[in-house]
Amino acid sequence: MHEETGARRPAGRDALKAEVRRHVAATLMQGAAHRPLQLAVARIYRALKETGRWESPNGQWRLRVEGRTLITERSTGAGWEAVLTSAILD
């Protein structure tokens, strides 16, 4: 169960993608249409699988994986502020 919502999360390899979608929809693409959100999630997910991090082209947002935790951060000018974190369950 998810700590914040009580919702069930997908198990296995889909868990990271589901968490990426949730983070992106809740932060950097609030209110985005389905297709642009889907395309962004695919790009971000691929970068996270390859390098463990993704940064927005404008440098305002970044997502990174530390162990089994997905972290979404926003640039504050003085550094990075964690906006959303969640555990990635197997």
Protein backbone atom coordinates (compact mmCIF):
# COMPACT_ATOMS: atom_id res chain seq x y z
CA MET A 1 0.00 0.00 0.00
CA HIS A 2 1.13 3.51 -0.72
CA GLU A 3 1.93 5.57 2.38
CA GLU A 4 0.17 8.74 1.20
CA THR A 5 -2.92 7.44 -0.59
CA GLY A 6 -3.42 3.87 0.60
CA ALA A 7 -3.53 2.78 -3.05
CA ARG A 8 -1.97 -0.45 -4.20
CA ARG A 9 1.16 -0.15 -6.31
CA PRO A 10 2.16 -2.41 -9.20
CA ALA A 11 4.75 -5.03 -8.34
CA GLY A 12 7.96 -5.84 -10.18
CA ARG A 13 9.46 -3.88 -13.03
CA ASP A 14 6.32 -1.78 -13.56
CA ALA A 15 6.62 -0.26 -10.07
CA LEU A 16 9.27 2.28 -11.12
CA LYS A 17 7.29 3.36 -14.18
CA ALA A 18 4.12 3.78 -12.09
CA GLU A 19 5.99 5.89 -9.54
CA VAL A 20 7.59 8.01 -12.28
CA ARG A 21 4.12 8.65 -13.74
CA ARG A 22 2.74 9.61 -10.33
CA HIS A 23 5.67 11.95 -9.59
CA VAL A 24 5.55 13.63 -13.02
CA ALA A 25 1.76 14.08 -12.92
CA ALA A 26 1.91 15.52 -9.39
CA THR A 27 4.80 17.92 -9.96
CA LEU A 28 6.27 19.03 -13.25
CA MET A 29 3.28 18.25 -15.51
CA GLN A 30 0.22 18.99 -13.36
CA GLY A 31 -2.90 18.98 -15.47
CA ALA A 32 -1.14 17.76 -18.63
CA ALA A 33 -3.09 15.87 -21.27
CA HIS A 34 -2.66 12.09 -21.38
CA ARG A 35 -0.40 11.82 -24.45
CA PRO A 36 2.19 14.50 -23.50
CA LEU A 37 2.31 13.01 -20.00
CA GLN A 38 2.77 9.51 -21.43
CA LEU A 39 5.63 10.66 -23.69
CA ALA A 40 7.39 12.52 -20.87
CA VAL A 41 7.09 9.53 -18.54
CA ALA A 42 8.60 7.23 -21.20
CA ARG A 43 11.61 9.55 -21.68
CA ILE A 44 12.14 10.05 -17.95
CA TYR A 45 11.73 6.34 -17.18
CA ARG A 46 14.30 5.43 -19.85
CA ALA A 47 16.82 7.94 -18.46
CA LEU A 48 16.28 6.68 -14.91
CA LYS A 49 16.82 3.06 -16.02
CA GLU A 50 20.01 4.00 -17.92
CA THR A 51 21.66 6.52 -15.59
CA GLY A 52 19.56 6.69 -12.42
CA ARG A 53 18.70 10.37 -12.97
CA TRP A 54 16.89 12.78 -15.28
CA GLU A 55 16.98 16.57 -15.40
CA SER A 56 14.52 18.80 -17.25
CA PRO A 57 15.88 20.72 -20.25
CA ASN A 58 15.35 24.03 -18.41
CA GLY A 59 17.18 22.74 -15.32
CA GLN A 60 14.23 23.39 -13.01
CA TRP A 61 13.33 19.77 -12.18
CA ARG A 62 15.15 16.50 -11.69
CA LEU A 63 14.23 12.96 -10.77
CA ARG A 64 16.70 10.46 -9.39
CA VAL A 65 16.75 6.97 -8.00
CA GLU A 66 18.69 6.27 -4.82
CA GLY A 67 18.55 2.60 -3.95
CA ARG A 68 14.82 1.80 -3.88
CA THR A 69 13.67 5.44 -3.55
CA LEU A 70 12.47 7.78 -6.30
CA ILE A 71 13.12 11.44 -5.53
CA THR A 72 11.70 14.44 -7.40
CA GLU A 73 13.52 17.71 -6.76
CA ARG A 74 13.01 21.34 -7.79
CA SER A 75 15.82 23.86 -8.27
CA THR A 76 15.65 26.68 -5.74
CA GLY A 77 18.55 28.75 -7.02
CA ALA A 78 20.55 27.84 -3.91
CA GLY A 79 20.37 24.09 -4.56
CA TRP A 80 17.80 21.34 -4.90
CA GLU A 81 14.68 20.94 -2.77
CA ALA A 82 13.04 17.50 -2.49
CA VAL A 83 9.40 17.87 -3.50
CA LEU A 84 8.27 14.24 -3.53
CA THR A 85 9.87 10.94 -2.50
CA SER A 86 8.52 7.41 -2.57
CA ALA A 87 9.73 3.86 -2.10
CA ILE A 88 9.81 1.60 -5.15
CA LEU A 89 8.50 -1.78 -4.06
CA ASP A 90 9.32 -5.05 -5.78
